[in-house]
Amino acid sequence: MGLGLEFAGSLLVFILIGRYLDGRYGCEPWLTLAGCVLGFVAGFYNLFKTLSTLSDRKRSKDKGDG
């Protein structure tokens, strides 16, 4: 559940930043869409990094037992 919240949080933060910049520079909806894409990429990267770390820990734990 924590990974999902982290993914959604990064997506939301980047979308809000994009909306703010759209309002400031008047180029709707392009910066909001860019924020959505960047948020998705950042969330996916964090998800992949966390799952990779957990997988490495499990592998090293399994090697130590066998």
Protein backbone atom coordinates (compact mmCIF):
# COMPACT_ATOMS: atom_id res chain seq x y z
CA MET A 1 0.00 0.00 0.00
CA GLY A 2 2.89 2.34 0.73
CA LEU A 3 4.29 1.93 -2.77
CA GLY A 4 0.95 2.85 -4.30
CA LEU A 5 0.65 5.94 -2.14
CA GLU A 6 4.19 6.98 -3.04
CA PHE A 7 3.41 6.55 -6.75
CA ALA A 8 0.16 8.51 -6.48
CA GLY A 9 1.84 11.20 -4.39
CA SER A 10 4.59 11.85 -6.91
CA LEU A 11 2.03 11.96 -9.71
CA LEU A 12 -0.15 14.41 -7.78
CA VAL A 13 2.76 16.69 -6.86
CA PHE A 14 3.95 16.99 -10.45
CA ILE A 15 0.41 17.58 -11.75
CA LEU A 16 -0.11 20.36 -9.20
CA ILE A 17 3.20 21.96 -10.15
CA GLY A 18 2.17 21.79 -13.82
CA ARG A 19 -1.22 23.38 -13.06
CA TYR A 20 0.47 26.16 -11.10
CA LEU A 21 2.89 26.88 -13.94
CA ASP A 22 0.05 26.76 -16.48
CA GLY A 23 -1.82 29.39 -14.50
CA ARG A 24 1.27 31.51 -14.14
CA TYR A 25 2.34 31.40 -17.80
CA GLY A 26 -1.06 30.86 -19.46
CA CYS A 27 -0.14 27.85 -21.57
CA GLU A 28 -2.86 25.44 -20.46
CA PRO A 29 -2.92 22.38 -20.61
CA TRP A 30 0.63 21.71 -21.75
CA LEU A 31 2.53 22.08 -18.49
CA THR A 32 -0.14 20.09 -16.65
CA LEU A 33 0.30 17.28 -19.17
CA ALA A 34 4.07 17.54 -18.86
CA GLY A 35 3.71 17.37 -15.08
CA CYS A 36 1.53 14.28 -15.44
CA VAL A 37 4.14 12.56 -17.59
CA LEU A 38 7.01 13.57 -15.29
CA GLY A 39 5.04 12.45 -12.24
CA PHE A 40 4.35 9.08 -13.85
CA VAL A 41 8.01 8.63 -14.75
CA ALA A 42 9.19 9.66 -11.28
CA GLY A 43 6.64 7.41 -9.58
CA PHE A 44 7.53 4.45 -11.78
CA TYR A 45 11.24 5.03 -11.17
CA ASN A 46 10.74 5.07 -7.40
CA LEU A 47 8.55 1.96 -7.62
CA PHE A 48 11.15 0.12 -9.70
CA LYS A 49 14.00 1.21 -7.41
CA THR A 50 12.16 0.06 -4.28
CA LEU A 51 11.14 -3.29 -5.76
CA SER A 52 14.68 -3.85 -7.05
CA THR A 53 16.11 -3.18 -3.58
CA LEU A 54 13.62 -5.58 -1.98
CA SER A 55 14.44 -8.24 -4.57
CA ASP A 56 18.19 -7.85 -3.94
CA ARG A 57 17.65 -8.20 -0.19
CA LYS A 58 15.61 -11.36 -0.68
CA ARG A 59 18.24 -12.83 -3.00
CA SER A 60 21.09 -12.15 -0.57
CA LYS A 61 19.03 -13.58 2.30
CA ASP A 62 18.30 -16.74 0.28
CA LYS A 63 22.00 -17.15 -0.58
CA GLY A 64 22.97 -16.88 3.08
CA ASP A 65 20.55 -19.63 4.08
CA GLY A 66 21.57 -22.12 1.43
